[in-house]
Amino acid sequence: MDIEVLGTLAVREQGVSITPTAPKPRQVLALLALHADQVVPVSALIEELWAGTPPRSARTTLQTYVLQLRALIAAALDEAAARSAGTGPDGHPAEGAAAAGRRTAKDVLVTLPGGYLLNSGGGTSDVREFDRLAGMGYRAMDADDFPGAARLLREALSLWSGPAFADVQGGVQLDMETRRLEETRLCALDQRIEADMRLGRHRELLAELTVLVSRYRTHENLHGQFMLALHRSGRRGEALDVYQRLRATLVRELGIEPSAALRRLQRSILMAAPENQLDSAAKAASERLVRVG
């Protein structure tokens, strides 16, 4: 099974889509796919579908959605079996056909005490691959391997084609998971930019950071990176303007001042401090914001 949730939802069993179009079964599959190979409690699925006001028939209706998903899985298994059903060199049915027949819809979407489990059969998941690559990228950062960190984190981020579950009408559970996944993406993005900064790619980052600070108008670390990239590109006045705009936004929308670490970075740029002091101020701002995040 191949699972993609970092963008539009796509779940394929042996290459055949099992993603329903109806909103409620789609929600069920999305939550099961995110937690593939783990039991998802019935209570979590009911909360996802009906929040705090489930109907009396909630469990029965959920079972109906599960049956609909199994019907799609069964059709996908049949199609996969038909595709692989040729004959081998000896004239007998190919082994692929027999293998396809061993897995049933109930083997794929398993009913267990208290919940359901989507059995990926050792397939792929973009969330798992993202976590693996990002974890390797963080370890490379810790080891000061900035080229390796930039490469690994860029590869991890390339798995995202849009917001998680972009085409799923999410409920309580999926909305919470979407926010969590977005935080993991932002953390990886922050560290990838940091790795590129350590490699001296300041000018190359300016266009990307211009878009990011416009999208995340109160994200201090992105603004700090933008300030440093501008300053190192010979645009000190613009770097100071970025700080002032951020400060105005924070005060107006959140009633807070920028962090002490970011204020130190602003003062260092204002005083045209030596590079080693700028590096220290930027590192302090980054570490403080990573801890808070």
Protein backbone atom coordinates (compact mmCIF):
# COMPACT_ATOMS: atom_id res chain seq x y z
CA MET A 1 0.00 0.00 0.00
CA ASP A 2 1.21 3.50 -0.87
CA ILE A 3 -0.06 6.34 1.33
CA GLU A 4 0.15 10.07 0.64
CA VAL A 5 -1.36 12.68 2.95
CA LEU A 6 1.14 15.58 2.63
CA GLY A 7 -1.04 17.35 0.10
CA THR A 8 -4.07 15.67 -1.43
CA LEU A 9 -5.10 12.31 0.00
CA ALA A 10 -4.06 9.34 -2.11
CA VAL A 11 -4.09 5.73 -0.92
CA ARG A 12 -3.31 2.94 -3.37
CA GLU A 13 -3.43 -0.80 -2.78
CA GLN A 14 -1.08 -2.59 -5.20
CA GLY A 15 -1.12 0.49 -7.40
CA VAL A 16 -4.92 0.86 -7.50
CA SER A 17 -6.63 3.79 -5.78
CA ILE A 18 -8.86 3.00 -2.80
CA THR A 19 -9.56 6.67 -1.99
CA PRO A 20 -13.32 7.30 -1.78
CA THR A 21 -14.96 10.47 -3.04
CA ALA A 22 -17.70 10.67 -0.37
CA PRO A 23 -16.62 13.05 2.45
CA LYS A 24 -17.25 10.83 5.51
CA PRO A 25 -15.56 7.62 4.27
CA ARG A 26 -12.75 9.88 3.05
CA GLN A 27 -12.31 11.24 6.59
CA VAL A 28 -12.21 7.71 7.99
CA LEU A 29 -9.59 6.60 5.46
CA ALA A 30 -7.51 9.75 6.06
CA LEU A 31 -7.26 9.11 9.80
CA LEU A 32 -6.55 5.41 9.30
CA ALA A 33 -3.92 6.18 6.65
CA LEU A 34 -2.11 8.70 8.84
CA HIS A 35 -1.88 6.06 11.58
CA ALA A 36 -1.29 3.11 9.24
CA ASP A 37 -0.33 -0.13 11.04
CA GLN A 38 -1.66 1.27 14.31
CA VAL A 39 -5.07 0.75 15.89
CA VAL A 40 -7.28 3.84 15.60
CA PRO A 41 -9.91 3.70 18.37
CA VAL A 42 -13.57 3.77 17.43
CA SER A 43 -13.95 6.73 19.81
CA ALA A 44 -11.39 8.76 17.82
CA LEU A 45 -13.15 7.99 14.54
CA ILE A 46 -16.53 8.96 15.99
CA GLU A 47 -15.10 12.20 17.35
CA GLU A 48 -13.60 12.95 13.94
CA LEU A 49 -16.89 12.36 12.14
CA TRP A 50 -19.34 14.00 14.54
CA ALA A 51 -17.29 16.01 17.08
CA GLY A 52 -19.17 16.16 20.39
CA THR A 53 -22.63 15.33 19.00
CA PRO A 54 -22.59 11.80 17.57
CA PRO A 55 -25.97 10.35 16.57
CA ARG A 56 -27.30 7.22 18.26
CA SER A 57 -26.42 5.28 15.15
CA ALA A 58 -22.78 6.48 15.16
CA ARG A 59 -21.20 3.04 15.54
CA THR A 60 -23.47 1.46 12.96
CA THR A 61 -22.83 4.29 10.52
CA LEU A 62 -19.08 4.00 11.08
CA GLN A 63 -19.30 0.29 10.32
CA THR A 64 -21.08 1.20 7.05
CA TYR A 65 -18.19 3.49 6.09
CA VAL A 66 -15.72 0.71 6.90
CA LEU A 67 -17.68 -1.68 4.67
CA GLN A 68 -17.59 0.90 1.86
CA LEU A 69 -13.82 1.19 2.21
CA ARG A 70 -13.46 -2.58 2.19
CA ALA A 71 -15.48 -2.74 -1.01
CA LEU A 72 -13.01 -0.33 -2.63
CA ILE A 73 -10.09 -2.37 -1.28
CA ALA A 74 -11.60 -5.61 -2.59
CA ALA A 75 -12.08 -4.06 -6.03
CA ALA A 76 -8.46 -2.85 -6.00
CA LEU A 77 -7.22 -6.31 -5.03
CA ASP A 78 -9.28 -7.90 -7.81
CA GLU A 79 -7.90 -5.44 -10.35
CA ALA A 80 -4.34 -6.02 -9.17
CA ALA A 81 -4.84 -9.78 -9.35
CA ALA A 82 -6.27 -9.54 -12.86
CA ARG A 83 -3.34 -7.38 -13.95
CA SER A 84 -0.75 -9.81 -12.67
CA ALA A 85 -2.56 -12.93 -13.78
CA GLY A 86 -0.52 -13.89 -16.84
CA THR A 87 1.31 -17.09 -17.42
CA GLY A 88 4.89 -17.83 -16.51
CA PRO A 89 7.51 -19.41 -18.77
CA ASP A 90 6.12 -22.87 -17.93
CA GLY A 91 2.62 -21.91 -19.06
CA HIS A 92 1.22 -21.87 -15.51
CA PRO A 93 -0.28 -18.79 -13.80
CA ALA A 94 2.37 -16.33 -12.71
CA GLU A 95 3.30 -16.21 -9.04
CA GLY A 96 2.13 -12.58 -8.83
CA ALA A 97 -1.47 -13.63 -9.30
CA ALA A 98 -1.29 -16.09 -6.43
CA ALA A 99 0.41 -13.53 -4.21
CA ALA A 100 -2.25 -10.93 -4.97
CA GLY A 101 -4.95 -13.41 -3.99
CA ARG A 102 -3.52 -14.00 -0.52
CA ARG A 103 -4.46 -10.53 0.78
CA THR A 104 -8.13 -9.82 1.35
CA ALA A 105 -9.99 -6.63 2.16
CA LYS A 106 -10.30 -7.73 5.80
CA ASP A 107 -6.54 -8.27 5.89
CA VAL A 108 -6.02 -4.70 4.72
CA LEU A 109 -8.63 -2.95 6.87
CA VAL A 110 -8.60 -4.97 10.06
CA THR A 111 -11.23 -4.93 12.80
CA LEU A 112 -9.63 -5.20 16.23
CA PRO A 113 -10.97 -4.85 19.79
CA GLY A 114 -11.76 -1.19 20.26
CA GLY A 115 -10.87 0.02 16.79
CA TYR A 116 -9.62 -0.46 13.24
CA LEU A 117 -6.17 -0.83 11.69
CA LEU A 118 -5.10 -0.10 8.12
CA ASN A 119 -2.45 -2.69 7.29
CA SER A 120 0.02 -1.13 4.85
CA GLY A 121 1.67 -4.49 4.15
CA GLY A 122 5.10 -2.87 4.37
CA GLY A 123 4.20 -0.22 1.81
CA THR A 124 5.20 3.44 1.65
CA SER A 125 3.97 6.45 3.63
CA ASP A 126 5.02 10.00 2.81
CA VAL A 127 4.70 11.00 6.49
CA ARG A 128 7.05 8.22 7.59
CA GLU A 129 9.51 9.07 4.84
CA PHE A 130 9.37 12.76 5.78
CA ASP A 131 10.06 11.92 9.43
CA ARG A 132 12.96 9.66 8.46
CA LEU A 133 14.63 12.20 6.17
CA ALA A 134 14.02 15.13 8.52
CA GLY A 135 15.46 13.17 11.44
CA MET A 136 18.59 12.44 9.41
CA GLY A 137 18.76 16.13 8.49
CA TYR A 138 18.58 17.21 12.13
CA ARG A 139 21.36 14.79 13.07
CA ALA A 140 23.48 16.16 10.22
CA MET A 141 22.89 19.70 11.58
CA ASP A 142 23.99 18.58 15.04
CA ALA A 143 27.17 17.18 13.47
CA ASP A 144 27.81 20.47 11.57
CA ASP A 145 27.35 18.64 8.27
CA PHE A 146 25.53 21.56 6.65
CA PRO A 147 25.66 20.31 3.03
CA GLY A 148 24.20 16.97 4.12
CA ALA A 149 21.57 18.65 6.31
CA ALA A 150 20.48 20.99 3.52
CA ARG A 151 20.20 18.09 1.07
CA LEU A 152 18.27 15.79 3.42
CA LEU A 153 15.88 18.45 4.64
CA ARG A 154 15.24 19.67 1.09
CA GLU A 155 14.44 16.09 0.11
CA ALA A 156 12.08 15.74 3.09
CA LEU A 157 10.27 18.97 2.25
CA SER A 158 9.89 17.95 -1.41
CA LEU A 159 7.41 15.27 -0.25
CA TRP A 160 4.89 18.03 0.50
CA SER A 161 2.68 18.98 -2.45
CA GLY A 162 0.42 21.27 -0.39
CA PRO A 163 -1.17 21.45 3.07
CA ALA A 164 -1.70 18.03 4.67
CA PHE A 165 -5.13 16.52 3.83
CA ALA A 166 -5.69 19.43 1.43
CA ASP A 167 -8.78 17.86 -0.15
CA VAL A 168 -10.28 16.27 2.98
CA GLN A 169 -13.03 17.97 4.96
CA GLY A 170 -11.45 17.40 8.36
CA GLY A 171 -13.03 17.16 11.77
CA VAL A 172 -11.54 17.54 15.25
CA GLN A 173 -8.92 14.79 14.93
CA LEU A 174 -7.74 15.61 11.41
CA ASP A 175 -7.60 19.35 12.12
CA MET A 176 -5.36 18.64 15.11
CA GLU A 177 -3.15 16.33 13.04
CA THR A 178 -2.96 18.89 10.24
CA ARG A 179 -1.67 21.52 12.67
CA ARG A 180 0.86 19.06 14.09
CA LEU A 181 2.13 18.12 10.65
CA GLU A 182 2.41 21.79 9.64
CA GLU A 183 4.57 22.41 12.71
CA THR A 184 6.88 19.57 11.72
CA ARG A 185 7.11 21.01 8.20
CA LEU A 186 7.92 24.49 9.52
CA CYS A 187 10.60 23.08 11.80
CA ALA A 188 12.25 21.24 8.90
CA LEU A 189 11.97 24.35 6.72
CA ASP A 190 13.57 26.49 9.42
CA GLN A 191 16.49 24.08 9.78
CA ARG A 192 16.97 23.75 6.01
CA ILE A 193 17.18 27.52 5.69
CA GLU A 194 19.61 27.59 8.62
CA ALA A 195 21.79 24.99 6.86
CA ASP A 196 21.75 27.06 3.66
CA MET A 197 22.67 30.17 5.66
CA ARG A 198 25.65 28.34 7.15
CA LEU A 199 26.73 27.53 3.59
CA GLY A 200 26.69 31.22 2.63
CA ARG A 201 23.64 31.04 0.36
CA HIS A 202 22.23 34.34 1.59
CA ARG A 203 21.36 35.89 -1.76
CA GLU A 204 19.80 32.67 -3.02
CA LEU A 205 17.48 32.64 0.02
CA LEU A 206 16.13 36.17 -0.33
CA ALA A 207 13.25 35.39 -2.72
CA GLU A 208 12.10 32.40 -0.65
CA LEU A 209 12.31 34.30 2.64
CA THR A 210 10.39 37.24 1.16
CA VAL A 211 7.46 34.91 0.52
CA LEU A 212 7.77 33.11 3.86
CA VAL A 213 7.76 36.21 6.08
CA SER A 214 4.72 37.46 4.17
CA ARG A 215 2.93 34.16 4.79
CA TYR A 216 4.05 33.74 8.42
CA ARG A 217 3.80 37.31 9.61
CA THR A 218 4.58 36.61 13.30
CA HIS A 219 7.20 33.86 12.88
CA GLU A 220 10.25 35.39 14.56
CA ASN A 221 12.85 32.89 13.40
CA LEU A 222 12.00 33.30 9.71
CA HIS A 223 12.17 37.07 10.13
CA GLY A 224 15.53 36.76 11.88
CA GLN A 225 16.88 34.66 9.04
CA PHE A 226 15.53 37.17 6.51
CA MET A 227 17.19 40.04 8.41
CA LEU A 228 20.53 38.26 8.42
CA ALA A 229 20.29 37.26 4.74
CA LEU A 230 19.50 40.87 3.77
CA HIS A 231 22.30 42.27 5.89
CA ARG A 232 24.85 39.85 4.46
CA SER A 233 23.66 40.76 0.98
CA GLY A 234 24.55 44.41 1.63
CA ARG A 235 20.98 45.52 2.38
CA ARG A 236 21.22 46.59 6.03
CA GLY A 237 18.45 49.18 5.82
CA GLU A 238 15.98 46.62 4.49
CA ALA A 239 17.03 44.19 7.22
CA LEU A 240 16.17 46.79 9.88
CA ASP A 241 12.86 47.51 8.13
CA VAL A 242 11.97 43.80 8.42
CA TYR A 243 12.46 44.02 12.17
CA GLN A 244 10.30 47.12 12.49
CA ARG A 245 7.48 45.56 10.47
CA LEU A 246 7.61 42.41 12.59
CA ARG A 247 7.59 44.42 15.81
CA ALA A 248 4.57 46.43 14.66
CA THR A 249 2.71 43.22 13.76
CA LEU A 250 3.53 41.51 17.07
CA VAL A 251 2.47 44.52 19.13
CA ARG A 252 -0.71 45.11 17.11
CA GLU A 253 -1.91 41.51 16.78
CA LEU A 254 -0.48 39.77 19.86
CA GLY A 255 0.36 42.58 22.25
CA ILE A 256 3.97 41.41 22.67
CA GLU A 257 7.45 42.67 21.82
CA PRO A 258 9.97 40.65 19.79
CA SER A 259 12.08 38.24 21.81
CA ALA A 260 15.25 39.43 23.55
CA ALA A 261 17.31 37.28 21.16
CA LEU A 262 15.77 38.93 18.10
CA ARG A 263 16.26 42.39 19.63
CA ARG A 264 19.95 41.57 20.09
CA LEU A 265 20.17 40.57 16.42
CA GLN A 266 18.55 43.87 15.44
CA ARG A 267 21.02 45.84 17.57
CA SER A 268 23.96 43.93 16.10
CA ILE A 269 22.81 44.78 12.56
CA LEU A 270 22.12 48.40 13.56
CA MET A 271 25.64 48.76 14.96
CA ALA A 272 27.19 46.88 12.00
CA ALA A 273 28.71 44.41 14.44
CA PRO A 274 31.46 42.04 13.30
CA GLU A 275 30.37 38.79 11.66
CA ASN A 276 31.20 36.68 14.71
CA GLN A 277 28.83 38.78 16.83
CA LEU A 278 26.13 38.56 14.18
CA ASP A 279 26.57 34.79 14.06
CA SER A 280 26.23 34.58 17.84
CA ALA A 281 23.12 36.77 17.86
CA ALA A 282 21.53 34.83 14.99
CA LYS A 283 22.34 31.50 16.64
CA ALA A 284 20.86 32.67 19.95
CA ALA A 285 17.67 33.80 18.21
CA SER A 286 17.38 30.49 16.36
CA GLU A 287 17.99 28.34 19.43
CA ARG A 288 15.57 30.32 21.55
CA LEU A 289 12.79 30.00 18.96
CA VAL A 290 13.39 26.31 18.37
CA ARG A 291 13.07 25.70 22.13
CA VAL A 292 9.86 27.73 22.31
CA GLY A 293 8.44 25.99 19.22
